[in-house]
Amino acid sequence: MQGIRLSTVTLGTSDPVTLARFYARLLGWTLGPTDDPAWVGVWNPDGGVSIACQLEKNHVRPTWPGAPGDQQMQVHLEIQVDDLQSGLQHARRCGARMAGNQPQANVRVCIDPAGHPFCLWVAG
């Protein structure tokens, strides 16, 4: 359909400002205004899909990998990097932690400050 496009992926969190700052540092994108503590944007300078962080007062950190009865992940981001080790080091300096389960050789599953998993990956 013409005239329709994905513009933003919104992540729920108990602390939108902290999560938005994390993704702005991680991706090198522009942090939007932080005067509204309930919703903060992180803008893609290339004009592609951006990220928003929205207040969820009852946010429950997802469990990855999930098991029956656990809070399931609702979405995760796939972030391509040129070098997996350098990308992982950068993500950790920004505040991510590496997940305990790493199912693929060319992918590293990380956890953001709100508990959302995201993947760093290299082509090939």
PDB file of N, CA and C in Angstrom:
ATOM      1  N   MET A   1       0.845  -1.184   0.000  1.00  0.00           N
ATOM      2  CA  MET A   1       0.000   0.000   0.000  1.00  0.00           C
ATOM      3  C   MET A   1       0.882   1.235   0.000  1.00  0.00           C
ATOM      4  N   GLN A   2       0.575   2.188  -0.824  1.00  0.00           N
ATOM      5  CA  GLN A   2       1.326   3.432  -0.868  1.00  0.00           C
ATOM      6  C   GLN A   2       0.923   4.317   0.300  1.00  0.00           C
ATOM      7  N   GLY A   3       1.856   5.139   0.743  1.00  0.00           N
ATOM      8  CA  GLY A   3       1.565   6.092   1.802  1.00  0.00           C
ATOM      9  C   GLY A   3       1.625   5.507   3.199  1.00  0.00           C
ATOM     10  N   ILE A   4       2.209   4.328   3.357  1.00  0.00           N
ATOM     11  CA  ILE A   4       2.332   3.735   4.682  1.00  0.00           C
ATOM     12  C   ILE A   4       3.772   3.262   4.874  1.00  0.00           C
ATOM     13  N   ARG A   5       4.353   3.595   6.038  1.00  0.00           N
ATOM     14  CA  ARG A   5       5.718   3.148   6.320  1.00  0.00           C
ATOM     15  C   ARG A   5       5.933   3.097   7.823  1.00  0.00           C
ATOM     16  N   LEU A   6       6.773   2.202   8.241  1.00  0.00           N
ATOM     17  CA  LEU A   6       7.141   2.096   9.648  1.00  0.00           C
ATOM     18  C   LEU A   6       8.075   3.244   9.984  1.00  0.00           C
ATOM     19  N   SER A   7       7.770   4.005  11.027  1.00  0.00           N
ATOM     20  CA  SER A   7       8.596   5.157  11.380  1.00  0.00           C
ATOM     21  C   SER A   7       9.343   4.973  12.695  1.00  0.00           C
ATOM     22  N   THR A   8       8.726   4.275  13.654  1.00  0.00           N
ATOM     23  CA  THR A   8       9.293   4.207  14.994  1.00  0.00           C
ATOM     24  C   THR A   8       8.943   2.876  15.648  1.00  0.00           C
ATOM     25  N   VAL A   9       9.905   2.336  16.393  1.00  0.00           N
ATOM     26  CA  VAL A   9       9.663   1.184  17.259  1.00  0.00           C
ATOM     27  C   VAL A   9       9.670   1.717  18.680  1.00  0.00           C
ATOM     28  N   THR A  10       8.608   1.441  19.449  1.00  0.00           N
ATOM     29  CA  THR A  10       8.494   1.952  20.810  1.00  0.00           C
ATOM     30  C   THR A  10       8.723   0.828  21.803  1.00  0.00           C
ATOM     31  N   LEU A  11       9.610   1.078  22.760  1.00  0.00           N
ATOM     32  CA  LEU A  11       9.932   0.109  23.803  1.00  0.00           C
ATOM     33  C   LEU A  11       9.369   0.592  25.131  1.00  0.00           C
ATOM     34  N   GLY A  12       8.682  -0.289  25.847  1.00  0.00           N
ATOM     35  CA  GLY A  12       8.169   0.038  27.167  1.00  0.00           C
ATOM     36  C   GLY A  12       9.255  -0.102  28.208  1.00  0.00           C
ATOM     37  N   THR A  13       9.211   0.782  29.213  1.00  0.00           N
ATOM     38  CA  THR A  13      10.226   0.791  30.260  1.00  0.00           C
ATOM     39  C   THR A  13       9.721   1.568  31.466  1.00  0.00           C
ATOM     40  N   SER A  14      10.290   1.302  32.612  1.00  0.00           N
ATOM     41  CA  SER A  14       9.954   2.087  33.799  1.00  0.00           C
ATOM     42  C   SER A  14      10.746   3.394  33.852  1.00  0.00           C
ATOM     43  N   ASP A  15      11.750   3.555  32.970  1.00  0.00           N
ATOM     44  CA  ASP A  15      12.591   4.753  32.955  1.00  0.00           C
ATOM     45  C   ASP A  15      12.929   5.138  31.510  1.00  0.00           C
ATOM     46  N   PRO A  16      12.004   5.841  30.818  1.00  0.00           N
ATOM     47  CA  PRO A  16      12.222   6.182  29.411  1.00  0.00           C
ATOM     48  C   PRO A  16      13.479   7.006  29.142  1.00  0.00           C
ATOM     49  N   VAL A  17      13.814   7.926  30.024  1.00  0.00           N
ATOM     50  CA  VAL A  17      14.975   8.782  29.784  1.00  0.00           C
ATOM     51  C   VAL A  17      16.259   7.952  29.786  1.00  0.00           C
ATOM     52  N   THR A  18      16.414   7.090  30.771  1.00  0.00           N
ATOM     53  CA  THR A  18      17.619   6.257  30.848  1.00  0.00           C
ATOM     54  C   THR A  18      17.725   5.328  29.647  1.00  0.00           C
ATOM     55  N   LEU A  19      16.626   4.704  29.260  1.00  0.00           N
ATOM     56  CA  LEU A  19      16.658   3.786  28.129  1.00  0.00           C
ATOM     57  C   LEU A  19      16.944   4.539  26.827  1.00  0.00           C
ATOM     58  N   ALA A  20      16.349   5.700  26.646  1.00  0.00           N
ATOM     59  CA  ALA A  20      16.594   6.492  25.450  1.00  0.00           C
ATOM     60  C   ALA A  20      18.057   6.942  25.379  1.00  0.00           C
ATOM     61  N   ARG A  21      18.611   7.350  26.499  1.00  0.00           N
ATOM     62  CA  ARG A  21      20.033   7.736  26.520  1.00  0.00           C
ATOM     63  C   ARG A  21      20.918   6.552  26.134  1.00  0.00           C
ATOM     64  N   PHE A  22      20.565   5.359  26.611  1.00  0.00           N
ATOM     65  CA  PHE A  22      21.315   4.155  26.263  1.00  0.00           C
ATOM     66  C   PHE A  22      21.326   3.951  24.748  1.00  0.00           C
ATOM     67  N   TYR A  23      20.155   3.957  24.113  1.00  0.00           N
ATOM     68  CA  TYR A  23      20.092   3.719  22.670  1.00  0.00           C
ATOM     69  C   TYR A  23      20.727   4.850  21.871  1.00  0.00           C
ATOM     70  N   ALA A  24      20.640   6.082  22.341  1.00  0.00           N
ATOM     71  CA  ALA A  24      21.305   7.195  21.654  1.00  0.00           C
ATOM     72  C   ALA A  24      22.826   6.981  21.663  1.00  0.00           C
ATOM     73  N   ARG A  25      23.383   6.582  22.808  1.00  0.00           N
ATOM     74  CA  ARG A  25      24.826   6.296  22.891  1.00  0.00           C
ATOM     75  C   ARG A  25      25.203   5.093  22.043  1.00  0.00           C
ATOM     76  N   LEU A  26      24.422   4.018  22.161  1.00  0.00           N
ATOM     77  CA  LEU A  26      24.728   2.779  21.449  1.00  0.00           C
ATOM     78  C   LEU A  26      24.763   2.998  19.940  1.00  0.00           C
ATOM     79  N   LEU A  27      23.762   3.689  19.413  1.00  0.00           N
ATOM     80  CA  LEU A  27      23.613   3.832  17.971  1.00  0.00           C
ATOM     81  C   LEU A  27      24.229   5.114  17.408  1.00  0.00           C
ATOM     82  N   GLY A  28      24.595   6.048  18.300  1.00  0.00           N
ATOM     83  CA  GLY A  28      25.106   7.331  17.831  1.00  0.00           C
ATOM     84  C   GLY A  28      24.016   8.194  17.230  1.00  0.00           C
ATOM     85  N   TRP A  29      22.788   7.996  17.677  1.00  0.00           N
ATOM     86  CA  TRP A  29      21.642   8.742  17.164  1.00  0.00           C
ATOM     87  C   TRP A  29      21.362   9.936  18.069  1.00  0.00           C
ATOM     88  N   THR A  30      20.400  10.745  17.669  1.00  0.00           N
ATOM     89  CA  THR A  30      20.064  11.967  18.381  1.00  0.00           C
ATOM     90  C   THR A  30      19.008  11.704  19.451  1.00  0.00           C
ATOM     91  N   LEU A  31      19.326  12.080  20.666  1.00  0.00           N
ATOM     92  CA  LEU A  31      18.372  11.978  21.768  1.00  0.00           C
ATOM     93  C   LEU A  31      17.376  13.118  21.649  1.00  0.00           C
ATOM     94  N   GLY A  32      16.093  12.796  21.673  1.00  0.00           N
ATOM     95  CA  GLY A  32      15.055  13.820  21.624  1.00  0.00           C
ATOM     96  C   GLY A  32      14.932  14.522  22.968  1.00  0.00           C
ATOM     97  N   PRO A  33      14.026  15.474  23.066  1.00  0.00           N
ATOM     98  CA  PRO A  33      13.810  16.175  24.323  1.00  0.00           C
ATOM     99  C   PRO A  33      13.466  15.194  25.460  1.00  0.00           C
ATOM    100  N   THR A  34      13.983  15.481  26.637  1.00  0.00           N
ATOM    101  CA  THR A  34      13.746  14.612  27.800  1.00  0.00           C
ATOM    102  C   THR A  34      12.873  15.285  28.842  1.00  0.00           C
ATOM    103  N   ASP A  35      12.176  16.343  28.452  1.00  0.00           N
ATOM    104  CA  ASP A  35      11.336  17.064  29.413  1.00  0.00           C
ATOM    105  C   ASP A  35      10.023  16.341  29.705  1.00  0.00           C
ATOM    106  N   ASP A  36       9.654  15.375  28.869  1.00  0.00           N
ATOM    107  CA  ASP A  36       8.475  14.540  29.141  1.00  0.00           C
ATOM    108  C   ASP A  36       8.986  13.182  29.602  1.00  0.00           C
ATOM    109  N   PRO A  37       8.954  12.907  30.906  1.00  0.00           N
ATOM    110  CA  PRO A  37       9.522  11.655  31.404  1.00  0.00           C
ATOM    111  C   PRO A  37       8.733  10.409  30.990  1.00  0.00           C
ATOM    112  N   ALA A  38       7.603  10.590  30.306  1.00  0.00           N
ATOM    113  CA  ALA A  38       6.787   9.446  29.906  1.00  0.00           C
ATOM    114  C   ALA A  38       7.084   8.961  28.488  1.00  0.00           C
ATOM    115  N   TRP A  39       7.795   9.770  27.682  1.00  0.00           N
ATOM    116  CA  TRP A  39       8.053   9.381  26.293  1.00  0.00           C
ATOM    117  C   TRP A  39       9.257  10.159  25.778  1.00  0.00           C
ATOM    118  N   VAL A  40      10.269   9.424  25.322  1.00  0.00           N
ATOM    119  CA  VAL A  40      11.482  10.056  24.801  1.00  0.00           C
ATOM    120  C   VAL A  40      11.859   9.371  23.489  1.00  0.00           C
ATOM    121  N   GLY A  41      12.133  10.166  22.472  1.00  0.00           N
ATOM    122  CA  GLY A  41      12.529   9.626  21.179  1.00  0.00           C
ATOM    123  C   GLY A  41      14.035   9.586  21.000  1.00  0.00           C
ATOM    124  N   VAL A  42      14.472   8.654  20.166  1.00  0.00           N
ATOM    125  CA  VAL A  42      15.859   8.559  19.736  1.00  0.00           C
ATOM    126  C   VAL A  42      15.799   8.541  18.216  1.00  0.00           C
ATOM    127  N   TRP A  43      16.291   9.613  17.585  1.00  0.00           N
ATOM    128  CA  TRP A  43      16.042   9.834  16.169  1.00  0.00           C
ATOM    129  C   TRP A  43      17.188   9.347  15.301  1.00  0.00           C
ATOM    130  N   ASN A  44      16.840   8.562  14.310  1.00  0.00           N
ATOM    131  CA  ASN A  44      17.785   8.036  13.339  1.00  0.00           C
ATOM    132  C   ASN A  44      18.197   9.166  12.399  1.00  0.00           C
ATOM    133  N   PRO A  45      19.483   9.534  12.351  1.00  0.00           N
ATOM    134  CA  PRO A  45      19.900  10.654  11.502  1.00  0.00           C
ATOM    135  C   PRO A  45      19.758  10.371  10.010  1.00  0.00           C
ATOM    136  N   ASP A  46      19.650   9.095   9.636  1.00  0.00           N
ATOM    137  CA  ASP A  46      19.468   8.740   8.224  1.00  0.00           C
ATOM    138  C   ASP A  46      18.011   8.851   7.791  1.00  0.00           C
ATOM    139  N   GLY A  47      17.121   9.150   8.737  1.00  0.00           N
ATOM    140  CA  GLY A  47      15.708   9.271   8.410  1.00  0.00           C
ATOM    141  C   GLY A  47      14.964   7.948   8.401  1.00  0.00           C
ATOM    142  N   GLY A  48      15.633   6.866   8.754  1.00  0.00           N
ATOM    143  CA  GLY A  48      14.983   5.558   8.802  1.00  0.00           C
ATOM    144  C   GLY A  48      14.199   5.389  10.094  1.00  0.00           C
ATOM    145  N   VAL A  49      13.877   4.151  10.408  1.00  0.00           N
ATOM    146  CA  VAL A  49      13.100   3.834  11.606  1.00  0.00           C
ATOM    147  C   VAL A  49      13.842   4.327  12.845  1.00  0.00           C
ATOM    148  N   SER A  50      13.123   5.005  13.727  1.00  0.00           N
ATOM    149  CA  SER A  50      13.671   5.511  14.982  1.00  0.00           C
ATOM    150  C   SER A  50      13.160   4.675  16.143  1.00  0.00           C
ATOM    151  N   ILE A  51      13.617   5.003  17.345  1.00  0.00           N
ATOM    152  CA  ILE A  51      13.218   4.297  18.564  1.00  0.00           C
ATOM    153  C   ILE A  51      12.591   5.305  19.515  1.00  0.00           C
ATOM    154  N   ALA A  52      11.522   4.904  20.173  1.00  0.00           N
ATOM    155  CA  ALA A  52      10.939   5.705  21.246  1.00  0.00           C
ATOM    156  C   ALA A  52      10.905   4.840  22.500  1.00  0.00           C
ATOM    157  N   CYS A  53      11.031   5.485  23.633  1.00  0.00           N
ATOM    158  CA  CYS A  53      10.986   4.798  24.920  1.00  0.00           C
ATOM    159  C   CYS A  53       9.810   5.381  25.692  1.00  0.00           C
ATOM    160  N   GLN A  54       8.877   4.524  26.053  1.00  0.00           N
ATOM    161  CA  GLN A  54       7.603   4.949  26.647  1.00  0.00           C
ATOM    162  C   GLN A  54       7.467   4.398  28.059  1.00  0.00           C
ATOM    163  N   LEU A  55       6.968   5.236  28.950  1.00  0.00           N
ATOM    164  CA  LEU A  55       6.766   4.833  30.336  1.00  0.00           C
ATOM    165  C   LEU A  55       5.702   3.750  30.442  1.00  0.00           C
ATOM    166  N   GLU A  56       6.067   2.668  31.066  1.00  0.00           N
ATOM    167  CA  GLU A  56       5.146   1.602  31.458  1.00  0.00           C
ATOM    168  C   GLU A  56       5.310   1.472  32.970  1.00  0.00           C
ATOM    169  N   LYS A  57       4.361   2.012  33.710  1.00  0.00           N
ATOM    170  CA  LYS A  57       4.491   2.040  35.170  1.00  0.00           C
ATOM    171  C   LYS A  57       4.646   0.650  35.773  1.00  0.00           C
ATOM    172  N   ASN A  58       4.060  -0.343  35.136  1.00  0.00           N
ATOM    173  CA  ASN A  58       4.138  -1.714  35.654  1.00  0.00           C
ATOM    174  C   ASN A  58       5.051  -2.583  34.805  1.00  0.00           C
ATOM    175  N   HIS A  59       6.084  -1.974  34.241  1.00  0.00           N
ATOM    176  CA  HIS A  59       7.012  -2.703  33.376  1.00  0.00           C
ATOM    177  C   HIS A  59       7.627  -3.890  34.117  1.00  0.00           C
ATOM    178  N   VAL A  60       7.601  -5.029  33.470  1.00  0.00           N
ATOM    179  CA  VAL A  60       8.252  -6.233  33.983  1.00  0.00           C
ATOM    180  C   VAL A  60       9.326  -6.606  32.976  1.00  0.00           C
ATOM    181  N   ARG A  61      10.555  -6.714  33.451  1.00  0.00           N
ATOM    182  CA  ARG A  61      11.659  -7.062  32.566  1.00  0.00           C
ATOM    183  C   ARG A  61      11.400  -8.425  31.923  1.00  0.00           C
ATOM    184  N   PRO A  62      11.557  -8.521  30.601  1.00  0.00           N
ATOM    185  CA  PRO A  62      11.366  -9.811  29.951  1.00  0.00           C
ATOM    186  C   PRO A  62      12.483 -10.781  30.325  1.00  0.00           C
ATOM    187  N   THR A  63      12.187 -12.049  30.212  1.00  0.00           N
ATOM    188  CA  THR A  63      13.166 -13.102  30.439  1.00  0.00           C
ATOM    189  C   THR A  63      13.561 -13.662  29.077  1.00  0.00           C
ATOM    190  N   TRP A  64      14.874 -13.763  28.842  1.00  0.00           N
ATOM    191  CA  TRP A  64      15.338 -14.333  27.586  1.00  0.00           C
ATOM    192  C   TRP A  64      16.434 -15.346  27.861  1.00  0.00           C
ATOM    193  N   PRO A  65      16.330 -16.520  27.315  1.00  0.00           N
ATOM    194  CA  PRO A  65      15.159 -17.011  26.603  1.00  0.00           C
ATOM    195  C   PRO A  65      14.024 -17.267  27.582  1.00  0.00           C
ATOM    196  N   GLY A  66      12.819 -17.067  27.130  1.00  0.00           N
ATOM    197  CA  GLY A  66      11.647 -17.221  27.987  1.00  0.00           C
ATOM    198  C   GLY A  66      11.319 -18.679  28.254  1.00  0.00           C
ATOM    199  N   ALA A  67      10.689 -18.892  29.361  1.00  0.00           N
ATOM    200  CA  ALA A  67      10.193 -20.210  29.747  1.00  0.00           C
ATOM    201  C   ALA A  67       8.724 -20.045  30.119  1.00  0.00           C
ATOM    202  N   PRO A  68       7.967 -21.122  30.170  1.00  0.00           N
ATOM    203  CA  PRO A  68       6.551 -21.002  30.544  1.00  0.00           C
ATOM    204  C   PRO A  68       6.395 -20.245  31.868  1.00  0.00           C
ATOM    205  N   GLY A  69       5.496 -19.274  31.859  1.00  0.00           N
ATOM    206  CA  GLY A  69       5.228 -18.476  33.053  1.00  0.00           C
ATOM    207  C   GLY A  69       6.086 -17.235  33.176  1.00  0.00           C
ATOM    208  N   ASP A  70       7.141 -17.120  32.373  1.00  0.00           N
ATOM    209  CA  ASP A  70       8.008 -15.939  32.407  1.00  0.00           C
ATOM    210  C   ASP A  70       7.388 -14.798  31.607  1.00  0.00           C
ATOM    211  N   GLN A  71       7.768 -13.572  31.948  1.00  0.00           N
ATOM    212  CA  GLN A  71       7.431 -12.431  31.100  1.00  0.00           C
ATOM    213  C   GLN A  71       8.159 -12.620  29.783  1.00  0.00           C
ATOM    214  N   GLN A  72       7.421 -12.695  28.704  1.00  0.00           N
ATOM    215  CA  GLN A  72       8.007 -12.935  27.389  1.00  0.00           C
ATOM    216  C   GLN A  72       8.466 -11.629  26.754  1.00  0.00           C
ATOM    217  N   MET A  73       9.492 -11.730  25.934  1.00  0.00           N
ATOM    218  CA  MET A  73       9.949 -10.598  25.146  1.00  0.00           C
ATOM    219  C   MET A  73       8.853 -10.287  24.138  1.00  0.00           C
ATOM    220  N   GLN A  74       8.566  -9.023  23.926  1.00  0.00           N
ATOM    221  CA  GLN A  74       7.547  -8.611  22.965  1.00  0.00           C
ATOM    222  C   GLN A  74       8.164  -8.260  21.612  1.00  0.00           C
ATOM    223  N   VAL A  75       9.379  -7.765  21.638  1.00  0.00           N
ATOM    224  CA  VAL A  75      10.089  -7.358  20.429  1.00  0.00           C
ATOM    225  C   VAL A  75      11.573  -7.343  20.773  1.00  0.00           C
ATOM    226  N   HIS A  76      12.410  -7.544  19.780  1.00  0.00           N
ATOM    227  CA  HIS A  76      13.832  -7.293  19.996  1.00  0.00           C
ATOM    228  C   HIS A  76      14.414  -6.668  18.739  1.00  0.00           C
ATOM    229  N   LEU A  77      15.459  -5.891  18.935  1.00  0.00           N
ATOM    230  CA  LEU A  77      16.093  -5.180  17.836  1.00  0.00           C
ATOM    231  C   LEU A  77      17.269  -5.989  17.307  1.00  0.00           C
ATOM    232  N   GLU A  78      17.472  -5.942  16.006  1.00  0.00           N
ATOM    233  CA  GLU A  78      18.613  -6.561  15.336  1.00  0.00           C
ATOM    234  C   GLU A  78      19.523  -5.419  14.891  1.00  0.00           C
ATOM    235  N   ILE A  79      20.735  -5.370  15.426  1.00  0.00           N
ATOM    236  CA  ILE A  79      21.657  -4.275  15.151  1.00  0.00           C
ATOM    237  C   ILE A  79      22.905  -4.844  14.484  1.00  0.00           C
ATOM    238  N   GLN A  80      23.111  -4.485  13.226  1.00  0.00           N
ATOM    239  CA  GLN A  80      24.268  -4.981  12.482  1.00  0.00           C
ATOM    240  C   GLN A  80      25.505  -4.176  12.862  1.00  0.00           C
ATOM    241  N   VAL A  81      26.614  -4.878  13.056  1.00  0.00           N
ATOM    242  CA  VAL A  81      27.895  -4.250  13.367  1.00  0.00           C
ATOM    243  C   VAL A  81      28.937  -4.760  12.378  1.00  0.00           C
ATOM    244  N   ASP A  82      30.003  -3.988  12.197  1.00  0.00           N
ATOM    245  CA  ASP A  82      31.081  -4.413  11.302  1.00  0.00           C
ATOM    246  C   ASP A  82      31.966  -5.463  11.958  1.00  0.00           C
ATOM    247  N   ASP A  83      32.172  -5.338  13.269  1.00  0.00           N
ATOM    248  CA  ASP A  83      33.023  -6.255  14.021  1.00  0.00           C
ATOM    249  C   ASP A  83      32.281  -6.638  15.300  1.00  0.00           C
ATOM    250  N   LEU A  84      32.031  -7.920  15.477  1.00  0.00           N
ATOM    251  CA  LEU A  84      31.204  -8.378  16.591  1.00  0.00           C
ATOM    252  C   LEU A  84      31.831  -8.062  17.943  1.00  0.00           C
ATOM    253  N   GLN A  85      33.116  -8.320  18.113  1.00  0.00           N
ATOM    254  CA  GLN A  85      33.767  -8.079  19.396  1.00  0.00           C
ATOM    255  C   GLN A  85      33.779  -6.598  19.745  1.00  0.00           C
ATOM    256  N   SER A  86      34.111  -5.752  18.772  1.00  0.00           N
ATOM    257  CA  SER A  86      34.111  -4.300  19.024  1.00  0.00           C
ATOM    258  C   SER A  86      32.705  -3.803  19.322  1.00  0.00           C
ATOM    259  N   GLY A  87      31.713  -4.307  18.589  1.00  0.00           N
ATOM    260  CA  GLY A  87      30.327  -3.928  18.833  1.00  0.00           C
ATOM    261  C   GLY A  87      29.872  -4.321  20.225  1.00  0.00           C
ATOM    262  N   LEU A  88      30.264  -5.515  20.649  1.00  0.00           N
ATOM    263  CA  LEU A  88      29.901  -5.979  21.983  1.00  0.00           C
ATOM    264  C   LEU A  88      30.572  -5.127  23.061  1.00  0.00           C
ATOM    265  N   GLN A  89      31.833  -4.810  22.884  1.00  0.00           N
ATOM    266  CA  GLN A  89      32.523  -3.956  23.860  1.00  0.00           C
ATOM    267  C   GLN A  89      31.858  -2.591  23.957  1.00  0.00           C
ATOM    268  N   HIS A  90      31.490  -2.025  22.809  1.00  0.00           N
ATOM    269  CA  HIS A  90      30.809  -0.726  22.800  1.00  0.00           C
ATOM    270  C   HIS A  90      29.467  -0.819  23.527  1.00  0.00           C
ATOM    271  N   ALA A  91      28.693  -1.863  23.226  1.00  0.00           N
ATOM    272  CA  ALA A  91      27.389  -2.036  23.875  1.00  0.00           C
ATOM    273  C   ALA A  91      27.547  -2.148  25.384  1.00  0.00           C
ATOM    274  N   ARG A  92      28.539  -2.867  25.827  1.00  0.00           N
ATOM    275  CA  ARG A  92      28.760  -3.020  27.276  1.00  0.00           C
ATOM    276  C   ARG A  92      29.163  -1.692  27.916  1.00  0.00           C
ATOM    277  N   ARG A  93      29.993  -0.923  27.227  1.00  0.00           N
ATOM    278  CA  ARG A  93      30.358   0.405  27.757  1.00  0.00           C
ATOM    279  C   ARG A  93      29.143   1.320  27.853  1.00  0.00           C
ATOM    280  N   CYS A  94      28.177   1.127  26.955  1.00  0.00           N
ATOM    281  CA  CYS A  94      26.947   1.939  26.968  1.00  0.00           C
ATOM    282  C   CYS A  94      25.975   1.510  28.064  1.00  0.00           C
ATOM    283  N   GLY A  95      26.166   0.321  28.634  1.00  0.00           N
ATOM    284  CA  GLY A  95      25.292  -0.140  29.710  1.00  0.00           C
ATOM    285  C   GLY A  95      24.575  -1.443  29.443  1.00  0.00           C
ATOM    286  N   ALA A  96      24.852  -2.090  28.310  1.00  0.00           N
ATOM    287  CA  ALA A  96      24.236  -3.395  28.024  1.00  0.00           C
ATOM    288  C   ALA A  96      24.979  -4.489  28.788  1.00  0.00           C
ATOM    289  N   ARG A  97      24.302  -5.604  28.947  1.00  0.00           N
ATOM    290  CA  ARG A  97      24.981  -6.792  29.451  1.00  0.00           C
ATOM    291  C   ARG A  97      24.737  -7.910  28.457  1.00  0.00           C
ATOM    292  N   MET A  98      25.662  -8.837  28.401  1.00  0.00           N
ATOM    293  CA  MET A  98      25.521  -9.945  27.474  1.00  0.00           C
ATOM    294  C   MET A  98      24.612 -10.987  28.105  1.00  0.00           C
ATOM    295  N   ALA A  99      23.697 -11.528  27.307  1.00  0.00           N
ATOM    296  CA  ALA A  99      22.792 -12.570  27.791  1.00  0.00           C
ATOM    297  C   ALA A  99      23.577 -13.858  28.024  1.00  0.00           C
ATOM    298  N   GLY A 100      23.076 -14.682  28.920  1.00  0.00           N
ATOM    299  CA  GLY A 100      23.731 -15.947  29.212  1.00  0.00           C
ATOM    300  C   GLY A 100      23.643 -16.949  28.077  1.00  0.00           C
ATOM    301  N   ASN A 101      22.578 -16.904  27.305  1.00  0.00           N
ATOM    302  CA  ASN A 101      22.379 -17.838  26.204  1.00  0.00           C
ATOM    303  C   ASN A 101      22.790 -17.169  24.898  1.00  0.00           C
ATOM    304  N   GLN A 102      23.739 -17.754  24.197  1.00  0.00           N
ATOM    305  CA  GLN A 102      24.232 -17.220  22.926  1.00  0.00           C
ATOM    306  C   GLN A 102      24.094 -18.312  21.859  1.00  0.00           C
ATOM    307  N   PRO A 103      22.970 -18.334  21.133  1.00  0.00           N
ATOM    308  CA  PRO A 103      22.674 -19.462  20.254  1.00  0.00           C
ATOM    309  C   PRO A 103      23.376 -19.483  18.899  1.00  0.00           C
ATOM    310  N   GLN A 104      24.039 -18.382  18.484  1.00  0.00           N
ATOM    311  CA  GLN A 104      24.639 -18.342  17.151  1.00  0.00           C
ATOM    312  C   GLN A 104      26.046 -17.756  17.211  1.00  0.00           C
ATOM    313  N   ALA A 105      26.919 -18.238  16.335  1.00  0.00           N
ATOM    314  CA  ALA A 105      28.310 -17.783  16.330  1.00  0.00           C
ATOM    315  C   ALA A 105      28.466 -16.343  15.856  1.00  0.00           C
ATOM    316  N   ASN A 106      27.645 -15.901  14.907  1.00  0.00           N
ATOM    317  CA  ASN A 106      27.813 -14.554  14.360  1.00  0.00           C
ATOM    318  C   ASN A 106      26.824 -13.547  14.949  1.00  0.00           C
ATOM    319  N   VAL A 107      26.260 -13.881  16.108  1.00  0.00           N
ATOM    320  CA  VAL A 107      25.290 -13.023  16.796  1.00  0.00           C
ATOM    321  C   VAL A 107      25.630 -13.005  18.283  1.00  0.00           C
ATOM    322  N   ARG A 108      25.486 -11.849  18.900  1.00  0.00           N
ATOM    323  CA  ARG A 108      25.597 -11.754  20.354  1.00  0.00           C
ATOM    324  C   ARG A 108      24.306 -11.139  20.869  1.00  0.00           C
ATOM    325  N   VAL A 109      23.640 -11.880  21.743  1.00  0.00           N
ATOM    326  CA  VAL A 109      22.416 -11.390  22.364  1.00  0.00           C
ATOM    327  C   VAL A 109      22.817 -10.569  23.578  1.00  0.00           C
ATOM    328  N   CYS A 110      22.317  -9.337  23.628  1.00  0.00           N
ATOM    329  CA  CYS A 110      22.595  -8.437  24.747  1.00  0.00           C
ATOM    330  C   CYS A 110      21.269  -8.038  25.385  1.00  0.00           C
ATOM    331  N   ILE A 111      21.361  -7.491  26.574  1.00  0.00           N
ATOM    332  CA  ILE A 111      20.190  -7.031  27.322  1.00  0.00           C
ATOM    333  C   ILE A 111      20.369  -5.539  27.603  1.00  0.00           C
ATOM    334  N   ASP A 112      19.353  -4.742  27.250  1.00  0.00           N
ATOM    335  CA  ASP A 112      19.434  -3.302  27.495  1.00  0.00           C
ATOM    336  C   ASP A 112      19.079  -3.001  28.956  1.00  0.00           C
ATOM    337  N   PRO A 113      19.213  -1.750  29.405  1.00  0.00           N
ATOM    338  CA  PRO A 113      18.947  -1.431  30.812  1.00  0.00           C
ATOM    339  C   PRO A 113      17.539  -1.749  31.307  1.00  0.00           C
ATOM    340  N   ALA A 114      16.551  -1.834  30.400  1.00  0.00           N
ATOM    341  CA  ALA A 114      15.181  -2.160  30.811  1.00  0.00           C
ATOM    342  C   ALA A 114      14.901  -3.664  30.717  1.00  0.00           C
ATOM    343  N   GLY A 115      15.893  -4.438  30.289  1.00  0.00           N
ATOM    344  CA  GLY A 115      15.718  -5.878  30.198  1.00  0.00           C
ATOM    345  C   GLY A 115      15.368  -6.400  28.822  1.00  0.00           C
ATOM    346  N   HIS A 116      15.207  -5.524  27.836  1.00  0.00           N
ATOM    347  CA  HIS A 116      14.871  -5.956  26.479  1.00  0.00           C
ATOM    348  C   HIS A 116      16.094  -6.582  25.822  1.00  0.00           C
ATOM    349  N   PRO A 117      15.957  -7.785  25.270  1.00  0.00           N
ATOM    350  CA  PRO A 117      17.069  -8.343  24.510  1.00  0.00           C
ATOM    351  C   PRO A 117      17.205  -7.647  23.162  1.00  0.00           C
ATOM    352  N   PHE A 118      18.424  -7.543  22.691  1.00  0.00           N
ATOM    353  CA  PHE A 118      18.693  -7.084  21.328  1.00  0.00           C
ATOM    354  C   PHE A 118      19.898  -7.857  20.824  1.00  0.00           C
ATOM    355  N   CYS A 119      19.995  -7.973  19.515  1.00  0.00           N
ATOM    356  CA  CYS A 119      21.064  -8.770  18.920  1.00  0.00           C
ATOM    357  C   CYS A 119      22.031  -7.875  18.161  1.00  0.00           C
ATOM    358  N   LEU A 120      23.310  -8.108  18.408  1.00  0.00           N
ATOM    359  CA  LEU A 120      24.370  -7.556  17.582  1.00  0.00           C
ATOM    360  C   LEU A 120      24.766  -8.667  16.622  1.00  0.00           C
ATOM    361  N   TRP A 121      24.909  -8.361  15.330  1.00  0.00           N
ATOM    362  CA  TRP A 121      25.244  -9.413  14.387  1.00  0.00           C
ATOM    363  C   TRP A 121      26.140  -8.875  13.275  1.00  0.00           C
ATOM    364  N   VAL A 122      26.903  -9.794  12.698  1.00  0.00           N
ATOM    365  CA  VAL A 122      27.745  -9.473  11.539  1.00  0.00           C
ATOM    366  C   VAL A 122      27.298 -10.337  10.372  1.00  0.00           C
ATOM    367  N   ALA A 123      27.404  -9.776   9.193  1.00  0.00           N
ATOM    368  CA  ALA A 123      27.045 -10.532   7.987  1.00  0.00           C
ATOM    369  C   ALA A 123      28.097 -11.613   7.743  1.00  0.00           C
ATOM    370  N   GLY A 124      27.639 -12.697   7.161  1.00  0.00           N
ATOM    371  CA  GLY A 124      28.558 -13.775   6.788  1.00  0.00           C
ATOM    372  C   GLY A 124      28.635 -14.785   7.826  1.00  0.00           C
TER     373      GLY A 124
END
